[in-house]
Amino acid sequence: MGITSAIVLFAVIWFLVLFVTLPFMKRTQAEAGQIEPGTHASAPADFNPRRTALVVTVISTVLWALIAGTIISGAITVRDLDFFGRMGPAPEAAGPNE
């Protein structure tokens, strides 16, 4: 895995975790009992982007390490994901004389 692939993988995981965690980490104005005039009751009451980014980064780093380690180790390859057999047979491993 190249450095660009690693960065892209981390970015995809980070945003995925962000969108998954946002609904769980919010406290609405209705729950707080302080609805500001002109806003919806489900608007966040005390959104803390720094805390959210920190939690998302920690979770993403752990997930990225697991996924990148699996990819680098070769436990899962692209051929393992070829469910329809479109890649053809695997090439023979090159010997030391070739």
PDB file of N, CA and C in Angstrom:
ATOM      1  N   MET A   1       0.862  -1.162   0.000  1.00  0.00           N
ATOM      2  CA  MET A   1       0.000   0.000   0.000  1.00  0.00           C
ATOM      3  C   MET A   1       0.905   1.220   0.000  1.00  0.00           C
ATOM      4  N   GLY A   2       0.655   2.127  -0.922  1.00  0.00           N
ATOM      5  CA  GLY A   2       1.421   3.356  -1.000  1.00  0.00           C
ATOM      6  C   GLY A   2       0.926   4.387   0.007  1.00  0.00           C
ATOM      7  N   ILE A   3       1.673   5.475   0.128  1.00  0.00           N
ATOM      8  CA  ILE A   3       1.309   6.518   1.088  1.00  0.00           C
ATOM      9  C   ILE A   3      -0.006   7.192   0.690  1.00  0.00           C
ATOM     10  N   THR A   4      -0.210   7.381  -0.603  1.00  0.00           N
ATOM     11  CA  THR A   4      -1.457   8.003  -1.057  1.00  0.00           C
ATOM     12  C   THR A   4      -2.650   7.104  -0.734  1.00  0.00           C
ATOM     13  N   SER A   5      -2.493   5.814  -0.957  1.00  0.00           N
ATOM     14  CA  SER A   5      -3.571   4.875  -0.636  1.00  0.00           C
ATOM     15  C   SER A   5      -3.872   4.873   0.855  1.00  0.00           C
ATOM     16  N   ALA A   6      -2.831   4.959   1.669  1.00  0.00           N
ATOM     17  CA  ALA A   6      -3.025   4.969   3.119  1.00  0.00           C
ATOM     18  C   ALA A   6      -3.770   6.230   3.561  1.00  0.00           C
ATOM     19  N   ILE A   7      -3.421   7.370   2.970  1.00  0.00           N
ATOM     20  CA  ILE A   7      -4.089   8.628   3.316  1.00  0.00           C
ATOM     21  C   ILE A   7      -5.543   8.603   2.874  1.00  0.00           C
ATOM     22  N   VAL A   8      -5.797   8.111   1.677  1.00  0.00           N
ATOM     23  CA  VAL A   8      -7.173   8.028   1.177  1.00  0.00           C
ATOM     24  C   VAL A   8      -7.992   7.071   2.037  1.00  0.00           C
ATOM     25  N   LEU A   9      -7.417   5.944   2.397  1.00  0.00           N
ATOM     26  CA  LEU A   9      -8.114   4.989   3.260  1.00  0.00           C
ATOM     27  C   LEU A   9      -8.449   5.624   4.604  1.00  0.00           C
ATOM     28  N   PHE A  10      -7.508   6.359   5.189  1.00  0.00           N
ATOM     29  CA  PHE A  10      -7.768   7.011   6.472  1.00  0.00           C
ATOM     30  C   PHE A  10      -8.866   8.063   6.324  1.00  0.00           C
ATOM     31  N   ALA A  11      -8.840   8.848   5.247  1.00  0.00           N
ATOM     32  CA  ALA A  11      -9.858   9.890   5.040  1.00  0.00           C
ATOM     33  C   ALA A  11     -11.248   9.273   4.889  1.00  0.00           C
ATOM     34  N   VAL A  12     -11.349   8.199   4.141  1.00  0.00           N
ATOM     35  CA  VAL A  12     -12.645   7.532   3.952  1.00  0.00           C
ATOM     36  C   VAL A  12     -13.159   6.990   5.278  1.00  0.00           C
ATOM     37  N   ILE A  13     -12.278   6.342   6.031  1.00  0.00           N
ATOM     38  CA  ILE A  13     -12.686   5.809   7.334  1.00  0.00           C
ATOM     39  C   ILE A  13     -13.070   6.932   8.276  1.00  0.00           C
ATOM     40  N   TRP A  14     -12.292   8.038   8.275  1.00  0.00           N
ATOM     41  CA  TRP A  14     -12.561   9.157   9.184  1.00  0.00           C
ATOM     42  C   TRP A  14     -13.957   9.745   8.936  1.00  0.00           C
ATOM     43  N   PHE A  15     -14.279  10.012   7.673  1.00  0.00           N
ATOM     44  CA  PHE A  15     -15.586  10.589   7.369  1.00  0.00           C
ATOM     45  C   PHE A  15     -16.713   9.594   7.624  1.00  0.00           C
ATOM     46  N   LEU A  16     -16.487   8.333   7.355  1.00  0.00           N
ATOM     47  CA  LEU A  16     -17.494   7.318   7.651  1.00  0.00           C
ATOM     48  C   LEU A  16     -17.792   7.275   9.149  1.00  0.00           C
ATOM     49  N   VAL A  17     -16.745   7.268   9.960  1.00  0.00           N
ATOM     50  CA  VAL A  17     -16.926   7.257  11.411  1.00  0.00           C
ATOM     51  C   VAL A  17     -17.581   8.555  11.875  1.00  0.00           C
ATOM     52  N   LEU A  18     -17.217   9.684  11.265  1.00  0.00           N
ATOM     53  CA  LEU A  18     -17.835  10.964  11.623  1.00  0.00           C
ATOM     54  C   LEU A  18     -19.343  10.921  11.411  1.00  0.00           C
ATOM     55  N   PHE A  19     -19.761  10.468  10.247  1.00  0.00           N
ATOM     56  CA  PHE A  19     -21.198  10.455   9.948  1.00  0.00           C
ATOM     57  C   PHE A  19     -21.951   9.428  10.783  1.00  0.00           C
ATOM     58  N   VAL A  20     -21.269   8.385  11.220  1.00  0.00           N
ATOM     59  CA  VAL A  20     -21.913   7.401  12.081  1.00  0.00           C
ATOM     60  C   VAL A  20     -22.042   7.926  13.505  1.00  0.00           C
ATOM     61  N   THR A  21     -21.026   8.630  13.986  1.00  0.00           N
ATOM     62  CA  THR A  21     -21.033   9.082  15.380  1.00  0.00           C
ATOM     63  C   THR A  21     -21.815  10.366  15.606  1.00  0.00           C
ATOM     64  N   LEU A  22     -22.033  11.177  14.602  1.00  0.00           N
ATOM     65  CA  LEU A  22     -22.741  12.453  14.816  1.00  0.00           C
ATOM     66  C   LEU A  22     -24.110  12.290  15.474  1.00  0.00           C
ATOM     67  N   PRO A  23     -24.947  11.362  15.042  1.00  0.00           N
ATOM     68  CA  PRO A  23     -26.252  11.241  15.706  1.00  0.00           C
ATOM     69  C   PRO A  23     -26.155  10.778  17.157  1.00  0.00           C
ATOM     70  N   PHE A  24     -25.106  10.042  17.511  1.00  0.00           N
ATOM     71  CA  PHE A  24     -24.991   9.529  18.864  1.00  0.00           C
ATOM     72  C   PHE A  24     -24.427  10.554  19.835  1.00  0.00           C
ATOM     73  N   MET A  25     -23.694  11.520  19.340  1.00  0.00           N
ATOM     74  CA  MET A  25     -22.995  12.452  20.212  1.00  0.00           C
ATOM     75  C   MET A  25     -23.691  13.805  20.312  1.00  0.00           C
ATOM     76  N   LYS A  26     -24.966  13.871  19.994  1.00  0.00           N
ATOM     77  CA  LYS A  26     -25.629  15.159  20.050  1.00  0.00           C
ATOM     78  C   LYS A  26     -26.677  15.200  21.151  1.00  0.00           C
ATOM     79  N   ARG A  27     -26.838  16.356  21.691  1.00  0.00           N
ATOM     80  CA  ARG A  27     -27.890  16.634  22.667  1.00  0.00           C
ATOM     81  C   ARG A  27     -28.711  17.764  22.077  1.00  0.00           C
ATOM     82  N   THR A  28     -29.982  17.518  21.841  1.00  0.00           N
ATOM     83  CA  THR A  28     -30.813  18.496  21.163  1.00  0.00           C
ATOM     84  C   THR A  28     -31.270  19.594  22.118  1.00  0.00           C
ATOM     85  N   GLN A  29     -31.740  20.684  21.530  1.00  0.00           N
ATOM     86  CA  GLN A  29     -32.257  21.783  22.340  1.00  0.00           C
ATOM     87  C   GLN A  29     -33.505  21.355  23.094  1.00  0.00           C
ATOM     88  N   ALA A  30     -34.290  20.462  22.511  1.00  0.00           N
ATOM     89  CA  ALA A  30     -35.491  19.979  23.189  1.00  0.00           C
ATOM     90  C   ALA A  30     -35.112  19.180  24.438  1.00  0.00           C
ATOM     91  N   GLU A  31     -34.050  18.361  24.326  1.00  0.00           N
ATOM     92  CA  GLU A  31     -33.594  17.595  25.484  1.00  0.00           C
ATOM     93  C   GLU A  31     -33.025  18.505  26.569  1.00  0.00           C
ATOM     94  N   ALA A  32     -32.383  19.594  26.162  1.00  0.00           N
ATOM     95  CA  ALA A  32     -31.794  20.526  27.119  1.00  0.00           C
ATOM     96  C   ALA A  32     -32.846  21.447  27.724  1.00  0.00           C
ATOM     97  N   GLY A  33     -34.002  21.562  27.067  1.00  0.00           N
ATOM     98  CA  GLY A  33     -35.072  22.423  27.566  1.00  0.00           C
ATOM     99  C   GLY A  33     -34.851  23.894  27.272  1.00  0.00           C
ATOM    100  N   GLN A  34     -33.950  24.221  26.366  1.00  0.00           N
ATOM    101  CA  GLN A  34     -33.664  25.608  26.007  1.00  0.00           C
ATOM    102  C   GLN A  34     -33.714  25.757  24.499  1.00  0.00           C
ATOM    103  N   ILE A  35     -34.889  25.981  23.952  1.00  0.00           N
ATOM    104  CA  ILE A  35     -35.052  26.119  22.513  1.00  0.00           C
ATOM    105  C   ILE A  35     -34.924  27.595  22.160  1.00  0.00           C
ATOM    106  N   GLU A  36     -33.913  27.894  21.340  1.00  0.00           N
ATOM    107  CA  GLU A  36     -33.698  29.266  20.900  1.00  0.00           C
ATOM    108  C   GLU A  36     -34.766  29.636  19.879  1.00  0.00           C
ATOM    109  N   PRO A  37     -35.322  30.837  19.963  1.00  0.00           N
ATOM    110  CA  PRO A  37     -36.330  31.255  18.981  1.00  0.00           C
ATOM    111  C   PRO A  37     -35.738  31.261  17.573  1.00  0.00           C
ATOM    112  N   GLY A  38     -36.507  30.727  16.641  1.00  0.00           N
ATOM    113  CA  GLY A  38     -36.081  30.682  15.248  1.00  0.00           C
ATOM    114  C   GLY A  38     -35.303  29.438  14.878  1.00  0.00           C
ATOM    115  N   THR A  39     -35.065  28.536  15.829  1.00  0.00           N
ATOM    116  CA  THR A  39     -34.364  27.291  15.522  1.00  0.00           C
ATOM    117  C   THR A  39     -35.289  26.117  15.760  1.00  0.00           C
ATOM    118  N   HIS A  40     -34.933  25.009  15.178  1.00  0.00           N
ATOM    119  CA  HIS A  40     -35.724  23.799  15.334  1.00  0.00           C
ATOM    120  C   HIS A  40     -35.384  23.144  16.673  1.00  0.00           C
ATOM    121  N   ALA A  41     -36.322  22.446  17.235  1.00  0.00           N
ATOM    122  CA  ALA A  41     -36.109  21.810  18.535  1.00  0.00           C
ATOM    123  C   ALA A  41     -35.048  20.715  18.479  1.00  0.00           C
ATOM    124  N   SER A  42     -34.810  20.145  17.295  1.00  0.00           N
ATOM    125  CA  SER A  42     -33.811  19.085  17.181  1.00  0.00           C
ATOM    126  C   SER A  42     -32.418  19.615  16.855  1.00  0.00           C
ATOM    127  N   ALA A  43     -32.243  20.930  16.864  1.00  0.00           N
ATOM    128  CA  ALA A  43     -30.920  21.512  16.636  1.00  0.00           C
ATOM    129  C   ALA A  43     -30.013  21.189  17.829  1.00  0.00           C
ATOM    130  N   PRO A  44     -28.717  21.041  17.593  1.00  0.00           N
ATOM    131  CA  PRO A  44     -27.812  20.719  18.697  1.00  0.00           C
ATOM    132  C   PRO A  44     -27.780  21.831  19.744  1.00  0.00           C
ATOM    133  N   ALA A  45     -27.744  21.432  20.996  1.00  0.00           N
ATOM    134  CA  ALA A  45     -27.714  22.416  22.076  1.00  0.00           C
ATOM    135  C   ALA A  45     -26.287  22.778  22.453  1.00  0.00           C
ATOM    136  N   ASP A  46     -25.406  21.827  22.478  1.00  0.00           N
ATOM    137  CA  ASP A  46     -24.035  22.086  22.919  1.00  0.00           C
ATOM    138  C   ASP A  46     -23.040  21.317  22.058  1.00  0.00           C
ATOM    139  N   PHE A  47     -23.024  21.614  20.778  1.00  0.00           N
ATOM    140  CA  PHE A  47     -22.136  20.910  19.850  1.00  0.00           C
ATOM    141  C   PHE A  47     -20.694  21.341  20.101  1.00  0.00           C
ATOM    142  N   ASN A  48     -19.816  20.363  20.293  1.00  0.00           N
ATOM    143  CA  ASN A  48     -18.401  20.621  20.525  1.00  0.00           C
ATOM    144  C   ASN A  48     -17.604  19.939  19.412  1.00  0.00           C
ATOM    145  N   PRO A  49     -17.246  20.676  18.346  1.00  0.00           N
ATOM    146  CA  PRO A  49     -16.563  20.032  17.216  1.00  0.00           C
ATOM    147  C   PRO A  49     -15.177  19.495  17.573  1.00  0.00           C
ATOM    148  N   ARG A  50     -14.507  20.113  18.525  1.00  0.00           N
ATOM    149  CA  ARG A  50     -13.176  19.636  18.910  1.00  0.00           C
ATOM    150  C   ARG A  50     -13.266  18.249  19.557  1.00  0.00           C
ATOM    151  N   ARG A  51     -14.221  18.067  20.447  1.00  0.00           N
ATOM    152  CA  ARG A  51     -14.409  16.767  21.102  1.00  0.00           C
ATOM    153  C   ARG A  51     -14.845  15.714  20.087  1.00  0.00           C
ATOM    154  N   THR A  52     -15.739  16.095  19.205  1.00  0.00           N
ATOM    155  CA  THR A  52     -16.211  15.170  18.180  1.00  0.00           C
ATOM    156  C   THR A  52     -15.059  14.740  17.276  1.00  0.00           C
ATOM    157  N   ALA A  53     -14.240  15.699  16.846  1.00  0.00           N
ATOM    158  CA  ALA A  53     -13.103  15.378  15.979  1.00  0.00           C
ATOM    159  C   ALA A  53     -12.098  14.477  16.695  1.00  0.00           C
ATOM    160  N   LEU A  54     -11.883  14.699  17.977  1.00  0.00           N
ATOM    161  CA  LEU A  54     -10.954  13.877  18.738  1.00  0.00           C
ATOM    162  C   LEU A  54     -11.449  12.433  18.854  1.00  0.00           C
ATOM    163  N   VAL A  55     -12.719  12.273  19.185  1.00  0.00           N
ATOM    164  CA  VAL A  55     -13.296  10.927  19.304  1.00  0.00           C
ATOM    165  C   VAL A  55     -13.259  10.213  17.956  1.00  0.00           C
ATOM    166  N   VAL A  56     -13.628  10.916  16.894  1.00  0.00           N
ATOM    167  CA  VAL A  56     -13.637  10.320  15.556  1.00  0.00           C
ATOM    168  C   VAL A  56     -12.223   9.944  15.127  1.00  0.00           C
ATOM    169  N   THR A  57     -11.249  10.780  15.434  1.00  0.00           N
ATOM    170  CA  THR A  57      -9.863  10.495  15.054  1.00  0.00           C
ATOM    171  C   THR A  57      -9.326   9.271  15.785  1.00  0.00           C
ATOM    172  N   VAL A  58      -9.634   9.145  17.054  1.00  0.00           N
ATOM    173  CA  VAL A  58      -9.159   7.976  17.817  1.00  0.00           C
ATOM    174  C   VAL A  58      -9.771   6.692  17.264  1.00  0.00           C
ATOM    175  N   ILE A  59     -11.076   6.704  17.050  1.00  0.00           N
ATOM    176  CA  ILE A  59     -11.749   5.513  16.515  1.00  0.00           C
ATOM    177  C   ILE A  59     -11.236   5.191  15.110  1.00  0.00           C
ATOM    178  N   SER A  60     -11.068   6.221  14.284  1.00  0.00           N
ATOM    179  CA  SER A  60     -10.604   6.019  12.910  1.00  0.00           C
ATOM    180  C   SER A  60      -9.187   5.481  12.863  1.00  0.00           C
ATOM    181  N   THR A  61      -8.329   5.949  13.764  1.00  0.00           N
ATOM    182  CA  THR A  61      -6.952   5.467  13.788  1.00  0.00           C
ATOM    183  C   THR A  61      -6.893   3.980  14.114  1.00  0.00           C
ATOM    184  N   VAL A  62      -7.693   3.549  15.057  1.00  0.00           N
ATOM    185  CA  VAL A  62      -7.725   2.128  15.413  1.00  0.00           C
ATOM    186  C   VAL A  62      -8.245   1.300  14.233  1.00  0.00           C
ATOM    187  N   LEU A  63      -9.353   1.747  13.629  1.00  0.00           N
ATOM    188  CA  LEU A  63      -9.907   1.019  12.481  1.00  0.00           C
ATOM    189  C   LEU A  63      -8.937   1.015  11.308  1.00  0.00           C
ATOM    190  N   TRP A  64      -8.275   2.154  11.065  1.00  0.00           N
ATOM    191  CA  TRP A  64      -7.321   2.241   9.961  1.00  0.00           C
ATOM    192  C   TRP A  64      -6.157   1.282  10.179  1.00  0.00           C
ATOM    193  N   ALA A  65      -5.654   1.215  11.403  1.00  0.00           N
ATOM    194  CA  ALA A  65      -4.539   0.312  11.684  1.00  0.00           C
ATOM    195  C   ALA A  65      -4.934  -1.143  11.432  1.00  0.00           C
ATOM    196  N   LEU A  66      -6.141  -1.520  11.826  1.00  0.00           N
ATOM    197  CA  LEU A  66      -6.608  -2.890  11.592  1.00  0.00           C
ATOM    198  C   LEU A  66      -6.765  -3.181  10.100  1.00  0.00           C
ATOM    199  N   ILE A  67      -7.395  -2.267   9.389  1.00  0.00           N
ATOM    200  CA  ILE A  67      -7.642  -2.488   7.961  1.00  0.00           C
ATOM    201  C   ILE A  67      -6.340  -2.426   7.166  1.00  0.00           C
ATOM    202  N   ALA A  68      -5.488  -1.429   7.444  1.00  0.00           N
ATOM    203  CA  ALA A  68      -4.213  -1.317   6.724  1.00  0.00           C
ATOM    204  C   ALA A  68      -3.320  -2.516   7.020  1.00  0.00           C
ATOM    205  N   GLY A  69      -3.321  -2.978   8.249  1.00  0.00           N
ATOM    206  CA  GLY A  69      -2.530  -4.157   8.594  1.00  0.00           C
ATOM    207  C   GLY A  69      -2.997  -5.390   7.857  1.00  0.00           C
ATOM    208  N   THR A  70      -4.301  -5.518   7.714  1.00  0.00           N
ATOM    209  CA  THR A  70      -4.855  -6.651   6.973  1.00  0.00           C
ATOM    210  C   THR A  70      -4.473  -6.578   5.500  1.00  0.00           C
ATOM    211  N   ILE A  71      -4.523  -5.386   4.937  1.00  0.00           N
ATOM    212  CA  ILE A  71      -4.168  -5.222   3.520  1.00  0.00           C
ATOM    213  C   ILE A  71      -2.682  -5.480   3.304  1.00  0.00           C
ATOM    214  N   ILE A  72      -1.844  -4.909   4.163  1.00  0.00           N
ATOM    215  CA  ILE A  72      -0.398  -5.055   3.998  1.00  0.00           C
ATOM    216  C   ILE A  72       0.049  -6.501   4.213  1.00  0.00           C
ATOM    217  N   SER A  73      -0.588  -7.199   5.143  1.00  0.00           N
ATOM    218  CA  SER A  73      -0.196  -8.587   5.412  1.00  0.00           C
ATOM    219  C   SER A  73      -0.554  -9.524   4.268  1.00  0.00           C
ATOM    220  N   GLY A  74      -1.486  -9.116   3.433  1.00  0.00           N
ATOM    221  CA  GLY A  74      -1.899  -9.965   2.327  1.00  0.00           C
ATOM    222  C   GLY A  74      -2.953 -10.986   2.699  1.00  0.00           C
ATOM    223  N   ALA A  75      -3.524 -10.852   3.888  1.00  0.00           N
ATOM    224  CA  ALA A  75      -4.565 -11.788   4.311  1.00  0.00           C
ATOM    225  C   ALA A  75      -5.789 -11.691   3.408  1.00  0.00           C
ATOM    226  N   ILE A  76      -6.064 -10.502   2.920  1.00  0.00           N
ATOM    227  CA  ILE A  76      -7.158 -10.273   1.965  1.00  0.00           C
ATOM    228  C   ILE A  76      -6.572  -9.547   0.766  1.00  0.00           C
ATOM    229  N   THR A  77      -6.798 -10.090  -0.410  1.00  0.00           N
ATOM    230  CA  THR A  77      -6.302  -9.477  -1.638  1.00  0.00           C
ATOM    231  C   THR A  77      -7.485  -9.113  -2.523  1.00  0.00           C
ATOM    232  N   VAL A  78      -7.182  -8.460  -3.637  1.00  0.00           N
ATOM    233  CA  VAL A  78      -8.234  -8.098  -4.589  1.00  0.00           C
ATOM    234  C   VAL A  78      -8.874  -9.348  -5.167  1.00  0.00           C
ATOM    235  N   ARG A  79      -8.095 -10.393  -5.363  1.00  0.00           N
ATOM    236  CA  ARG A  79      -8.636 -11.643  -5.906  1.00  0.00           C
ATOM    237  C   ARG A  79      -9.640 -12.293  -4.960  1.00  0.00           C
ATOM    238  N   ASP A  80      -9.498 -12.048  -3.662  1.00  0.00           N
ATOM    239  CA  ASP A  80     -10.470 -12.583  -2.704  1.00  0.00           C
ATOM    240  C   ASP A  80     -11.829 -11.913  -2.858  1.00  0.00           C
ATOM    241  N   LEU A  81     -11.847 -10.725  -3.415  1.00  0.00           N
ATOM    242  CA  LEU A  81     -13.095  -9.977  -3.592  1.00  0.00           C
ATOM    243  C   LEU A  81     -13.687 -10.147  -4.984  1.00  0.00           C
ATOM    244  N   ASP A  82     -13.061 -10.968  -5.823  1.00  0.00           N
ATOM    245  CA  ASP A  82     -13.539 -11.226  -7.181  1.00  0.00           C
ATOM    246  C   ASP A  82     -14.581 -12.338  -7.134  1.00  0.00           C
ATOM    247  N   PHE A  83     -15.814 -11.978  -6.805  1.00  0.00           N
ATOM    248  CA  PHE A  83     -16.877 -12.955  -6.617  1.00  0.00           C
ATOM    249  C   PHE A  83     -17.377 -13.557  -7.928  1.00  0.00           C
ATOM    250  N   PHE A  84     -17.182 -12.852  -9.047  1.00  0.00           N
ATOM    251  CA  PHE A  84     -17.725 -13.316 -10.322  1.00  0.00           C
ATOM    252  C   PHE A  84     -16.658 -13.929 -11.227  1.00  0.00           C
ATOM    253  N   GLY A  85     -15.426 -14.050 -10.748  1.00  0.00           N
ATOM    254  CA  GLY A  85     -14.362 -14.703 -11.514  1.00  0.00           C
ATOM    255  C   GLY A  85     -13.932 -13.940 -12.740  1.00  0.00           C
ATOM    256  N   ARG A  86     -13.996 -12.630 -12.724  1.00  0.00           N
ATOM    257  CA  ARG A  86     -13.658 -11.821 -13.898  1.00  0.00           C
ATOM    258  C   ARG A  86     -12.161 -11.579 -14.037  1.00  0.00           C
ATOM    259  N   MET A  87     -11.371 -11.849 -12.996  1.00  0.00           N
ATOM    260  CA  MET A  87      -9.939 -11.586 -13.062  1.00  0.00           C
ATOM    261  C   MET A  87      -9.167 -12.735 -13.699  1.00  0.00           C
ATOM    262  N   GLY A  88      -9.794 -13.863 -13.878  1.00  0.00           N
ATOM    263  CA  GLY A  88      -9.116 -14.999 -14.477  1.00  0.00           C
ATOM    264  C   GLY A  88      -8.248 -15.722 -13.461  1.00  0.00           C
ATOM    265  N   PRO A  89      -7.494 -16.699 -13.922  1.00  0.00           N
ATOM    266  CA  PRO A  89      -6.651 -17.457 -12.985  1.00  0.00           C
ATOM    267  C   PRO A  89      -5.501 -16.591 -12.477  1.00  0.00           C
ATOM    268  N   ALA A  90      -5.039 -16.913 -11.279  1.00  0.00           N
ATOM    269  CA  ALA A  90      -3.919 -16.179 -10.679  1.00  0.00           C
ATOM    270  C   ALA A  90      -2.647 -16.503 -11.431  1.00  0.00           C
ATOM    271  N   PRO A  91      -1.787 -15.522 -11.653  1.00  0.00           N
ATOM    272  CA  PRO A  91      -0.518 -15.817 -12.347  1.00  0.00           C
ATOM    273  C   PRO A  91       0.383 -16.674 -11.461  1.00  0.00           C
ATOM    274  N   GLU A  92       1.205 -17.463 -12.100  1.00  0.00           N
ATOM    275  CA  GLU A  92       2.142 -18.340 -11.366  1.00  0.00           C
ATOM    276  C   GLU A  92       3.182 -17.452 -10.680  1.00  0.00           C
ATOM    277  N   ALA A  93       3.617 -17.861  -9.517  1.00  0.00           N
ATOM    278  CA  ALA A  93       4.662 -17.115  -8.811  1.00  0.00           C
ATOM    279  C   ALA A  93       5.975 -17.276  -9.571  1.00  0.00           C
ATOM    280  N   ALA A  94       6.664 -16.163  -9.759  1.00  0.00           N
ATOM    281  CA  ALA A  94       7.937 -16.203 -10.495  1.00  0.00           C
ATOM    282  C   ALA A  94       9.007 -16.875  -9.642  1.00  0.00           C
ATOM    283  N   GLY A  95       9.733 -17.772 -10.240  1.00  0.00           N
ATOM    284  CA  GLY A  95      10.786 -18.477  -9.534  1.00  0.00           C
ATOM    285  C   GLY A  95      12.048 -17.600  -9.432  1.00  0.00           C
ATOM    286  N   PRO A  96      13.083 -18.079  -8.745  1.00  0.00           N
ATOM    287  CA  PRO A  96      14.312 -17.277  -8.569  1.00  0.00           C
ATOM    288  C   PRO A  96      15.076 -17.103  -9.871  1.00  0.00           C
ATOM    289  N   ASN A  97      14.861 -17.974 -10.887  1.00  0.00           N
ATOM    290  CA  ASN A  97      15.585 -17.878 -12.151  1.00  0.00           C
ATOM    291  C   ASN A  97      14.891 -16.996 -13.166  1.00  0.00           C
ATOM    292  N   GLU A  98      13.713 -16.535 -12.858  1.00  0.00           N
ATOM    293  CA  GLU A  98      12.961 -15.760 -13.862  1.00  0.00           C
ATOM    294  C   GLU A  98      12.961 -14.311 -13.541  1.00  0.00           C
TER     295      GLU A  98
END
